[in-house]
Each structure stands twice: as structure tokens, then as C-alpha cells.
Amino acid sequence: MKLRRHLLLLTLLGGSAHATDLMELYRQALQSDPSYAAALASHDATIERYPQARALLLPQINLSANTTWNEVDTELRSNGRDVHSHYNSNGIVIQAKQAIYNGQSLAQVEQGKLQVELAEVQRRAAEQDLILRVAQAYFDVLSAEDRVQLTVAQKEATTQQLALAKKSFEVGTATITDTHEAQARFDQIVAAEIAARNDLNVKQAALTQLTGKPVSHLARLDGKLPVSAPAQSSEAWQSRAEQGSLDVAAKQLLKEVASREIDRARAAHYPTLDLVATAAHNRTGGGSSPTNTTSGSIALQLNIPLYAGGALSSKSREAVAKEEQARDELEVARRKAVQDANSAYLGISSGAAQIRALEQALVSSESALKSTRLGQEVGVRTNLDVLNAQQNWYSTQRDLSAARYSYLLTALRLKATSGQLTESDLQEVNSRLKP
């Protein structure tokens, strides 16, 4: 078996005239992912709350009109006659109302401003989430492809060992045990290949769900991946996460919205003052003298809430409790941001060390496999020894592949903990991929 041939096969996996890279899939997901589309729609809906709240402080103008058909029977006492009349009465009223002071509306305007800020934070969080989901799905497919290819290569190598064991048994240089051991290992690998292919289909379906269409060939890592621990300390990243996390920012805004809700609930107890202007025109027909009446008025209207069955006080208590809930959720978000940053930092540090160790282990296991094969040829190593050495070599390749993908994903997650993950970070990862 040519060991280098299988490494080359993994490097060239999916090679074609055009291989889809990470950025292409991300741009497809921007257009096709329903979760991201829903987040954008939510953003557009939320920012409308500010103009809705501001409208409460602007003039409100209403027009109403009516027409009435009248039937009137009148008994005249002077001569005992009955007089019957019928006619239309028509009227039109225009009323303009301008709030001079309304505490609830003022508090609602402040809430609207905060909700616009919240919508933008949530949009950025949705964008970060999409970047991570696309990268996760992409590398899940690459990892699954690696497992399939490694399993196929291992099956081929085991097939050769099985054929060798059978031939050796036929000529009397090996026992039937060698054949049974090779056959058992071959059967295990066939089962592993079935599982690996099924897992690949599942991972490809998950990627298709993001992009809206199937992808047959993906760009892969180009050669050795340079790795290193993060430049800054864990404490520095934790501090950045506590201050810059988008989840923390969203929870902070929600707490402020809840505080404004307390103001709004308490303002329900306060008087309101409005300027009201009315213009009306009425026309009444019938009888010998139809009338036309035009009137206008300007008034200051003061409303003082006196008692509402305890509802206003209850709403104030509810708002205070929700503000306390928002305060606690903010603290939870801060602690989680710190924990996530620390976990990602440790993941990168340990991941870099693991990759370097596995790269060395791959060299060692390849040397061990060559030596074991040579030992089998001279009779100092058994067929089982070769099978075990093969298993170790392929397992090391699989672990190294998974460790590299995990390292890249963890680096993106570390950026996300401080709210700094952008498309340019994904582009940097994409630059490591080659068709």
C-alpha cells in the first residue's frame, strides 16, 4: 500500500473544475436561510415601534360625517290637526388634537428609541449566528468526507491484508487465525463505512438547509494549518466579552426598556393635557325653514385618572417585577459571556497543542506502520500487528482532520463572544481553503 497516496487523495478530495468555498455558501445562506430571513423581518418590524410611539405626540386629526333621515309626527293642540314631516339632517365634524403633556406617551417614545437600538443589536447577532452556523455545517461536511475517504482507504488496505492472510494460509506459512482476524477487521470497517456515508448524507442535508441547494464539491484546507494560542490573555478576552457581547448588549437594552415601562406604568396615574380644536357643519332640512349651522371651538382638555379598580397600581407592580427579571437576565448574560470566552480561549490553546501533537503522532504512526509491514515480511510481525498499525495510522489522520476544523471554528466563536465576528473573519478562514 502506498501510504502517501491516501494523503494525496484527501488533499484532492472534491477536486473539480470548480469547488464551492466557504464565502460562496455564506452568501447563498444570506439569501436563502429562513432563520436569518426571519431575523431581518423581526428587525424591520421592531424599528417601526419608534415612529409609532412618536406619533402619539404629534397632532391627531379625525373627520366624521353623518346623515340622518327623520320622520316627525306633530299634534297641534290649537286645532287638533296632525302634522307629518320628513327630512334629512347632515353633519360633518373635523377634530384636531395635540398632546401638550402625556407622561405615558413620553415614556413610550423613549422605549421606541431603545427598541430600535435593540433591533440593530439583534440583527448583528443574527449575522454572527449565521456565520457560525455556515462554518459549522461546512466543516461538518468536510470532516464527514474525510471519515468516508479514510474508511475507504482503510478498507482497501485491509482487503490487501485479508488477501495476503488467505494466501499465506494456503501455502502453509500462516494459521487460519490470521485470516479470521483480517476478516473480522474488514467486516468492522465495512460497517464503519456505512455509518460514515450515512453521517455524510446527514451533514450535507444540514448544509443544504442553510443554502437552499445541494453542494457536491467543497474547497478544502490547503496543506498544513498554522496554529497558535491567542495573542491576548484569557482575562483580556473575558473582559472584552463582558463588555462587547451582543447578548449582553441586548439584555442591557431590554433592562432599560423595562425601566421605561415602569415610568410608563406610573405615568398612568398622572394628568394629561391636550389641545383640542373642533370645526363642525350641520344642515337640517324639513319644515318651512331649513337650517345650516357652522361652529368651531378650541379647548384645553385636562384628564385626571381617579380610580381604575386597582389596575394601574397592579401594572406598576408588574413593571417593577419585570425590570428585576431583566436585571437578573442581564447578569446571567454577562456571566455566560465570560464563561464562553474562557471556554473558547482554552479551546484554541489546547487545540493548537493537540494539532501539533497529532501531526507528530501521524509521522510516528506512519513510521510504525512501515516498520510493522517490513517486520511482517521478515516474519517478526504478525498480520494482526499490521492491522493494528493501520488502524492507528488512519485514526490519527481522522483525529488530526477533526482537530483542525475544530480549531478554526473555535477561533470564530472566540471572536463572537466579544461581538467582533464579521464577514472578514470568515473570509480569513476561507483564504486557507483551496479548490
Protein backbone atom coordinates (compact mmCIF):
# COMPACT_ATOMS: atom_id res chain seq x y z
CA MET A 1 0.00 0.00 0.00
CA LYS A 2 1.25 3.44 -0.89
CA LEU A 3 0.71 5.47 2.26
CA ARG A 4 1.26 8.84 0.61
CA ARG A 5 -1.39 8.10 -1.99
CA HIS A 6 -4.16 8.23 0.63
CA LEU A 7 -2.92 11.55 1.98
CA LEU A 8 -2.93 12.93 -1.55
CA LEU A 9 -6.43 11.57 -2.04
CA LEU A 10 -7.65 13.54 0.98
CA THR A 11 -5.94 16.70 -0.23
CA LEU A 12 -7.55 16.41 -3.66
CA LEU A 13 -10.96 15.27 -2.37
CA GLY A 14 -13.71 17.02 -4.23
CA GLY A 15 -11.28 18.36 -6.83
CA SER A 16 -13.21 19.55 -9.86
CA ALA A 17 -13.35 22.39 -12.30
CA HIS A 18 -14.99 24.44 -9.59
CA ALA A 19 -15.24 23.79 -5.87
CA THR A 20 -17.63 25.84 -3.75
CA ASP A 21 -15.85 27.66 -0.96
CA LEU A 22 -16.98 28.96 2.42
CA MET A 23 -17.75 32.51 1.25
CA GLU A 24 -19.90 31.32 -1.61
CA LEU A 25 -22.01 29.24 0.74
CA TYR A 26 -22.25 32.11 3.21
CA ARG A 27 -23.59 34.44 0.52
CA GLN A 28 -26.07 31.80 -0.54
CA ALA A 29 -27.18 31.43 3.08
CA LEU A 30 -27.66 35.20 3.36
CA GLN A 31 -30.26 34.89 0.63
CA SER A 32 -31.76 31.50 1.48
CA ASP A 33 -31.55 30.76 5.21
CA PRO A 34 -35.07 31.13 6.67
CA SER A 35 -33.83 31.76 10.21
CA TYR A 36 -31.74 34.72 9.09
CA ALA A 37 -34.60 36.00 6.91
CA ALA A 38 -36.91 35.82 9.92
CA ALA A 39 -34.38 37.80 11.99
CA LEU A 40 -34.26 40.52 9.33
CA ALA A 41 -38.05 40.69 9.21
CA SER A 42 -38.13 40.95 13.00
CA HIS A 43 -35.59 43.79 12.78
CA ASP A 44 -37.74 45.67 10.25
CA ALA A 45 -40.84 45.19 12.39
CA THR A 46 -39.15 46.30 15.62
CA ILE A 47 -37.74 49.56 14.26
CA GLU A 48 -41.31 50.65 13.45
CA ARG A 49 -42.06 50.93 17.16
CA TYR A 50 -40.29 54.27 17.40
CA PRO A 51 -42.37 56.12 14.75
CA GLN A 52 -45.48 54.54 16.26
CA ALA A 53 -44.59 55.90 19.69
CA ARG A 54 -43.54 59.30 18.33
CA ALA A 55 -46.88 59.59 16.53
CA LEU A 56 -48.62 59.76 19.91
CA LEU A 57 -47.01 63.18 20.49
CA LEU A 58 -47.95 64.55 17.07
CA PRO A 59 -51.33 66.05 16.08
CA GLN A 60 -54.19 63.61 15.67
CA ILE A 61 -56.79 64.72 13.12
CA ASN A 62 -60.10 62.94 12.63
CA LEU A 63 -63.04 63.58 10.35
CA SER A 64 -66.52 62.23 10.98
CA ALA A 65 -69.70 62.67 8.96
CA ASN A 66 -73.28 61.61 9.42
CA THR A 67 -76.59 61.70 7.63
CA THR A 68 -79.91 61.03 9.35
CA TRP A 69 -83.37 60.50 7.92
CA ASN A 70 -86.02 61.99 10.22
CA GLU A 71 -89.76 61.14 10.41
CA VAL A 72 -91.72 63.52 12.70
CA ASP A 73 -95.44 63.45 13.66
CA THR A 74 -96.69 66.57 15.48
CA GLU A 75 -100.18 67.07 17.03
CA LEU A 76 -101.21 70.76 17.09
CA ARG A 77 -103.37 71.45 20.17
CA SER A 78 -104.77 74.66 18.73
CA ASN A 79 -106.77 72.94 16.04
CA GLY A 80 -106.26 69.26 16.74
CA ARG A 81 -104.50 68.65 13.46
CA ASP A 82 -101.62 66.20 13.00
CA VAL A 83 -98.63 67.42 11.03
CA HIS A 84 -96.31 64.89 9.44
CA SER A 85 -92.84 65.91 8.21
CA HIS A 86 -89.75 64.09 6.98
CA TYR A 87 -86.30 65.40 6.15
CA ASN A 88 -82.55 64.74 6.19
CA SER A 89 -80.07 66.05 8.76
CA ASN A 90 -76.44 66.07 7.61
CA GLY A 91 -73.35 66.88 9.59
CA ILE A 92 -69.56 66.88 9.28
CA VAL A 93 -67.04 67.33 12.11
CA ILE A 94 -63.24 67.76 11.96
CA GLN A 95 -61.33 67.47 15.21
CA ALA A 96 -57.62 68.08 15.76
CA LYS A 97 -55.97 67.02 18.99
CA GLN A 98 -52.43 67.87 20.11
CA ALA A 99 -50.96 66.35 23.25
CA ILE A 100 -49.38 69.01 25.45
CA TYR A 101 -48.41 66.63 28.23
CA ASN A 102 -48.81 62.85 28.32
CA GLY A 103 -46.34 61.00 30.54
CA GLN A 104 -47.17 57.59 29.13
CA SER A 105 -46.53 58.70 25.55
CA LEU A 106 -43.21 60.29 26.51
CA ALA A 107 -42.06 57.07 28.18
CA GLN A 108 -43.21 55.07 25.16
CA VAL A 109 -41.12 57.26 22.84
CA GLU A 110 -38.05 56.52 24.94
CA GLN A 111 -38.88 52.83 24.76
CA GLY A 112 -39.16 53.11 20.98
CA LYS A 113 -35.66 54.58 20.72
CA LEU A 114 -34.25 51.75 22.81
CA GLN A 115 -36.10 49.14 20.78
CA VAL A 116 -34.54 50.48 17.57
CA GLU A 117 -31.11 50.01 19.17
CA LEU A 118 -32.14 46.55 20.31
CA ALA A 119 -33.26 45.62 16.80
CA GLU A 120 -29.84 46.54 15.40
CA VAL A 121 -28.04 44.50 18.08
CA GLN A 122 -30.28 41.52 17.35
CA ARG A 123 -29.62 41.89 13.61
CA ARG A 124 -25.87 41.81 14.23
CA ALA A 125 -26.32 38.77 16.49
CA ALA A 126 -28.28 37.01 13.75
CA GLU A 127 -25.47 37.75 11.30
CA GLN A 128 -22.88 36.33 13.71
CA ASP A 129 -25.06 33.30 14.27
CA LEU A 130 -25.34 32.71 10.52
CA ILE A 131 -21.56 32.92 10.10
CA LEU A 132 -21.08 30.32 12.83
CA ARG A 133 -23.82 28.04 11.52
CA VAL A 134 -22.47 28.13 7.97
CA ALA A 135 -18.90 27.47 9.15
CA GLN A 136 -20.09 24.65 11.42
CA ALA A 137 -22.11 23.00 8.65
CA TYR A 138 -19.28 23.47 6.14
CA PHE A 139 -16.62 21.88 8.30
CA ASP A 140 -19.03 19.16 9.42
CA VAL A 141 -19.30 18.12 5.77
CA LEU A 142 -15.52 18.24 5.26
CA SER A 143 -14.98 16.17 8.39
CA ALA A 144 -17.58 13.64 7.27
CA GLU A 145 -15.96 13.44 3.83
CA ASP A 146 -12.60 12.80 5.50
CA ARG A 147 -14.09 9.96 7.53
CA VAL A 148 -15.58 8.37 4.41
CA GLN A 149 -12.33 8.65 2.44
CA LEU A 150 -10.21 7.37 5.31
CA THR A 151 -12.58 4.45 5.86
CA VAL A 152 -12.50 3.58 2.16
CA ALA A 153 -8.69 3.73 2.15
CA GLN A 154 -8.54 1.62 5.30
CA LYS A 155 -10.91 -0.92 3.76
CA GLU A 156 -8.66 -1.15 0.71
CA ALA A 157 -5.61 -1.71 2.89
CA THR A 158 -7.42 -4.30 5.00
CA THR A 159 -8.59 -6.07 1.84
CA GLN A 160 -4.95 -6.47 0.84
CA GLN A 161 -4.10 -7.83 4.28
CA LEU A 162 -7.03 -10.26 4.07
CA ALA A 163 -5.88 -11.50 0.67
CA LEU A 164 -2.34 -11.88 1.99
CA ALA A 165 -3.56 -13.82 5.03
CA LYS A 166 -5.58 -16.21 2.85
CA LYS A 167 -2.66 -16.77 0.50
CA SER A 168 -0.29 -17.36 3.40
CA PHE A 169 -2.69 -19.88 4.90
CA GLU A 170 -2.97 -21.71 1.58
CA VAL A 171 0.80 -22.10 1.32
CA GLY A 172 1.08 -23.02 4.99
CA THR A 173 3.06 -20.01 6.22
CA ALA A 174 0.22 -18.66 8.43
CA THR A 175 -2.61 -20.03 10.52
CA ILE A 176 -6.32 -19.70 9.89
CA THR A 177 -6.39 -17.29 12.84
CA ASP A 178 -4.69 -14.62 10.72
CA THR A 179 -7.42 -14.96 8.12
CA HIS A 180 -10.18 -14.74 10.72
CA GLU A 181 -8.59 -11.68 12.30
CA ALA A 182 -8.30 -9.92 8.93
CA GLN A 183 -11.87 -10.87 8.01
CA ALA A 184 -13.21 -9.55 11.33
CA ARG A 185 -11.36 -6.26 10.88
CA PHE A 186 -12.64 -6.00 7.30
CA ASP A 187 -16.24 -6.53 8.42
CA GLN A 188 -15.87 -3.86 11.09
CA ILE A 189 -14.57 -1.39 8.53
CA VAL A 190 -17.45 -2.13 6.15
CA ALA A 191 -19.88 -1.31 8.96
CA ALA A 192 -17.90 1.85 9.76
CA GLU A 193 -18.04 2.89 6.09
CA ILE A 194 -21.83 2.54 6.05
CA ALA A 195 -22.10 4.70 9.18
CA ALA A 196 -19.65 7.27 7.76
CA ARG A 197 -21.57 7.58 4.47
CA ASN A 198 -24.84 7.99 6.34
CA ASP A 199 -23.31 10.69 8.53
CA LEU A 200 -22.03 12.46 5.40
CA ASN A 201 -25.53 12.47 3.91
CA VAL A 202 -26.91 13.98 7.13
CA LYS A 203 -24.24 16.69 7.21
CA GLN A 204 -24.78 17.53 3.54
CA ALA A 205 -28.52 17.86 4.16
CA ALA A 206 -27.85 20.27 7.04
CA LEU A 207 -25.69 22.43 4.75
CA THR A 208 -28.35 22.31 2.03
CA GLN A 209 -30.92 23.55 4.54
CA LEU A 210 -28.83 26.69 5.05
CA THR A 211 -28.06 27.42 1.41
CA GLY A 212 -31.24 26.23 -0.25
CA LYS A 213 -29.49 23.98 -2.77
CA PRO A 214 -27.21 20.93 -2.68
CA VAL A 215 -23.44 21.29 -2.97
CA SER A 216 -21.35 18.49 -4.44
CA HIS A 217 -17.77 19.75 -4.09
CA LEU A 218 -16.29 21.90 -1.34
CA ALA A 219 -12.94 23.66 -1.14
CA ARG A 220 -10.67 22.09 1.43
CA LEU A 221 -7.83 23.09 3.74
CA ASP A 222 -4.66 23.77 1.82
CA GLY A 223 -1.82 21.80 3.35
CA LYS A 224 -0.61 22.25 6.91
CA LEU A 225 -2.65 24.59 9.11
CA PRO A 226 -0.56 27.12 11.07
CA VAL A 227 -1.81 27.25 14.65
CA SER A 228 -1.02 29.29 17.73
CA ALA A 229 -2.55 30.29 21.05
CA PRO A 230 -4.49 33.60 21.18
CA ALA A 231 -2.26 36.66 21.39
CA GLN A 232 -4.12 38.16 24.36
CA SER A 233 -4.68 36.55 27.74
CA SER A 234 -7.81 34.73 28.79
CA GLU A 235 -8.64 37.54 31.22
CA ALA A 236 -8.44 40.10 28.41
CA TRP A 237 -10.84 38.09 26.25
CA GLN A 238 -13.21 37.62 29.17
CA SER A 239 -13.25 41.37 29.77
CA ARG A 240 -13.90 42.03 26.09
CA ALA A 241 -16.73 39.52 26.10
CA GLU A 242 -18.33 41.05 29.18
CA GLN A 243 -18.28 44.48 27.56
CA GLY A 244 -18.85 43.61 23.90
CA SER A 245 -21.05 40.52 23.84
CA LEU A 246 -24.10 41.13 21.68
CA ASP A 247 -26.21 39.04 24.04
CA VAL A 248 -25.10 41.26 26.93
CA ALA A 249 -25.86 44.37 24.87
CA ALA A 250 -29.33 43.05 24.05
CA LYS A 251 -30.06 42.20 27.69
CA GLN A 252 -28.85 45.66 28.76
CA LEU A 253 -31.25 47.31 26.33
CA LEU A 254 -34.09 45.06 27.47
CA LYS A 255 -33.41 46.13 31.06
CA GLU A 256 -33.60 49.78 30.03
CA VAL A 257 -36.83 49.14 28.13
CA ALA A 258 -38.21 47.53 31.29
CA SER A 259 -37.17 50.60 33.30
CA ARG A 260 -39.06 52.82 30.86
CA GLU A 261 -42.05 50.55 31.28
CA ILE A 262 -42.03 51.39 34.98
CA ASP A 263 -42.10 55.08 34.05
CA ARG A 264 -44.96 54.44 31.64
CA ALA A 265 -46.97 52.49 34.20
CA ARG A 266 -46.51 55.19 36.85
CA ALA A 267 -47.40 57.92 34.35
CA ALA A 268 -50.82 56.34 34.00
CA HIS A 269 -51.58 57.98 37.38
CA TYR A 270 -50.64 61.43 36.09
CA PRO A 271 -52.98 64.00 34.49
CA THR A 272 -52.88 64.52 30.73
CA LEU A 273 -53.35 67.81 28.95
CA ASP A 274 -54.45 68.14 25.32
CA LEU A 275 -55.28 70.98 22.99
CA VAL A 276 -58.47 70.15 21.08
CA ALA A 277 -59.79 72.10 18.09
CA THR A 278 -63.14 71.24 16.53
CA ALA A 279 -64.96 72.51 13.45
CA ALA A 280 -68.48 71.32 12.61
CA HIS A 281 -71.10 71.96 9.94
CA ASN A 282 -74.71 70.71 10.25
CA ARG A 283 -77.61 71.05 7.84
CA THR A 284 -81.18 70.23 8.79
CA GLY A 285 -83.96 70.12 6.20
CA GLY A 286 -87.73 69.91 6.60
CA GLY A 287 -90.45 72.41 7.54
CA SER A 288 -90.53 75.89 6.15
CA SER A 289 -87.07 76.93 7.41
CA PRO A 290 -84.16 74.51 6.78
CA THR A 291 -81.10 75.41 8.84
CA ASN A 292 -77.36 75.40 8.23
CA THR A 293 -75.11 75.64 11.26
CA THR A 294 -71.32 76.06 11.33
CA SER A 295 -69.41 76.06 14.57
CA GLY A 296 -65.85 75.89 15.82
CA SER A 297 -64.10 75.59 19.15
CA ILE A 298 -60.64 75.43 20.70
CA ALA A 299 -60.24 73.91 24.14
CA LEU A 300 -57.71 72.73 26.65
CA GLN A 301 -58.72 69.28 27.84
CA LEU A 302 -57.46 68.06 31.19
CA ASN A 303 -57.92 64.41 32.20
CA ILE A 304 -57.17 63.24 35.73
CA PRO A 305 -57.34 59.50 36.45
CA LEU A 306 -59.00 59.00 39.83
CA TYR A 307 -59.70 55.30 40.21
CA ALA A 308 -59.49 52.35 37.81
CA GLY A 309 -60.28 49.46 40.12
CA GLY A 310 -56.63 48.99 41.13
CA ALA A 311 -55.49 48.15 37.59
CA LEU A 312 -52.99 50.99 37.36
CA SER A 313 -51.28 50.08 40.62
CA SER A 314 -51.15 46.43 39.55
CA LYS A 315 -49.49 47.36 36.25
CA SER A 316 -46.89 49.39 38.14
CA ARG A 317 -46.05 46.41 40.35
CA GLU A 318 -45.87 44.17 37.28
CA ALA A 319 -43.45 46.56 35.57
CA VAL A 320 -41.19 46.66 38.64
CA ALA A 321 -41.09 42.84 38.76
CA LYS A 322 -40.25 42.61 35.05
CA GLU A 323 -37.47 45.15 35.44
CA GLU A 324 -35.98 42.99 38.20
CA GLN A 325 -36.27 39.97 35.90
CA ALA A 326 -34.45 41.86 33.12
CA ARG A 327 -31.72 42.87 35.58
CA ASP A 328 -31.16 39.22 36.59
CA GLU A 329 -31.15 38.07 32.94
CA LEU A 330 -28.50 40.71 32.20
CA GLU A 331 -26.30 39.27 34.93
CA VAL A 332 -26.82 35.76 33.53
CA ALA A 333 -25.77 37.01 30.07
CA ARG A 334 -22.63 38.64 31.49
CA ARG A 335 -21.55 35.51 33.31
CA LYS A 336 -22.25 33.35 30.27
CA ALA A 337 -20.25 35.69 28.02
CA VAL A 338 -17.27 35.41 30.37
CA GLN A 339 -17.61 31.62 30.52
CA ASP A 340 -17.94 31.29 26.73
CA ALA A 341 -14.88 33.47 26.17
CA ASN A 342 -12.83 31.41 28.59
CA SER A 343 -14.01 28.14 27.03
CA ALA A 344 -13.19 29.35 23.52
CA TYR A 345 -9.79 30.65 24.64
CA LEU A 346 -8.93 27.32 26.24
CA GLY A 347 -10.28 25.52 23.18
CA ILE A 348 -7.90 27.42 20.89
CA SER A 349 -4.92 26.97 23.20
CA SER A 350 -5.47 23.25 23.71
CA GLY A 351 -6.50 22.82 20.07
CA ALA A 352 -3.22 24.27 18.84
CA ALA A 353 -1.26 21.95 21.12
CA GLN A 354 -3.39 18.98 20.08
CA ILE A 355 -2.83 19.66 16.37
CA ARG A 356 0.93 19.84 16.83
CA ALA A 357 0.88 16.61 18.83
CA LEU A 358 -1.27 14.81 16.26
CA GLU A 359 0.94 15.98 13.42
CA GLN A 360 3.89 14.40 15.19
CA ALA A 361 1.81 11.33 16.02
CA LEU A 362 0.91 10.96 12.34
CA VAL A 363 4.58 10.91 11.38
CA SER A 364 5.30 8.38 14.13
CA SER A 365 2.35 6.13 13.26
CA GLU A 366 3.35 6.16 9.58
CA SER A 367 6.85 5.10 10.51
CA ALA A 368 5.44 2.43 12.82
CA LEU A 369 3.22 1.09 10.03
CA LYS A 370 6.13 0.88 7.61
CA SER A 371 8.24 -0.89 10.20
CA THR A 372 5.45 -3.30 11.05
CA ARG A 373 4.92 -4.16 7.38
CA LEU A 374 8.63 -4.76 6.99
CA GLY A 375 8.58 -6.89 10.13
CA GLN A 376 5.75 -8.97 8.69
CA GLU A 377 7.76 -9.57 5.54
CA VAL A 378 10.70 -10.93 7.56
CA GLY A 379 8.47 -12.87 9.93
CA VAL A 380 8.84 -10.93 13.18
CA ARG A 381 5.42 -9.25 13.00
CA THR A 382 2.00 -10.83 12.55
CA ASN A 383 -0.91 -9.90 10.34
CA LEU A 384 -2.75 -8.59 13.43
CA ASP A 385 0.18 -6.29 14.19
CA VAL A 386 -0.14 -4.77 10.72
CA LEU A 387 -3.90 -4.37 11.08
CA ASN A 388 -3.46 -2.59 14.41
CA ALA A 389 -0.77 -0.31 12.99
CA GLN A 390 -3.05 0.54 10.06
CA GLN A 391 -5.91 1.29 12.43
CA ASN A 392 -3.69 3.60 14.49
CA TRP A 393 -2.47 5.47 11.39
CA TYR A 394 -5.95 6.05 9.98
CA SER A 395 -7.35 7.01 13.39
CA THR A 396 -4.59 9.59 13.81
CA GLN A 397 -5.41 11.10 10.41
CA ARG A 398 -9.09 11.28 11.33
CA ASP A 399 -8.35 12.91 14.69
CA LEU A 400 -5.98 15.42 13.09
CA SER A 401 -8.58 16.37 10.48
CA ALA A 402 -11.25 16.91 13.14
CA ALA A 403 -8.86 18.90 15.35
CA ARG A 404 -8.04 21.31 12.53
CA TYR A 405 -11.69 22.03 11.78
CA SER A 406 -12.44 22.43 15.48
CA TYR A 407 -9.57 24.91 15.84
CA LEU A 408 -10.91 27.13 13.04
CA LEU A 409 -14.46 27.03 14.41
CA THR A 410 -13.32 27.83 17.93
CA ALA A 411 -11.37 30.84 16.66
CA LEU A 412 -14.58 32.18 15.10
CA ARG A 413 -16.51 31.52 18.30
CA LEU A 414 -13.93 33.42 20.35
CA LYS A 415 -14.45 36.47 18.15
CA ALA A 416 -18.23 36.07 18.52
CA THR A 417 -18.06 36.12 22.32
CA SER A 418 -16.98 39.76 22.20
CA GLY A 419 -19.37 40.71 19.39
CA GLN A 420 -16.50 41.21 16.93
CA LEU A 421 -17.17 38.38 14.48
CA THR A 422 -17.68 39.74 10.96
CA GLU A 423 -17.67 38.56 7.37
CA SER A 424 -13.98 39.49 7.11
CA ASP A 425 -13.16 36.85 9.75
CA LEU A 426 -14.95 34.25 7.67
CA GLN A 427 -13.02 35.47 4.63
CA GLU A 428 -9.76 34.94 6.52
CA VAL A 429 -10.72 31.32 7.22
CA ASN A 430 -11.83 30.94 3.61
CA SER A 431 -8.37 32.06 2.43
CA ARG A 432 -6.98 28.83 3.89
CA LEU A 433 -9.20 26.76 1.59
CA LYS A 434 -8.25 25.69 -1.90
CA PRO A 435 -10.31 24.03 -4.66
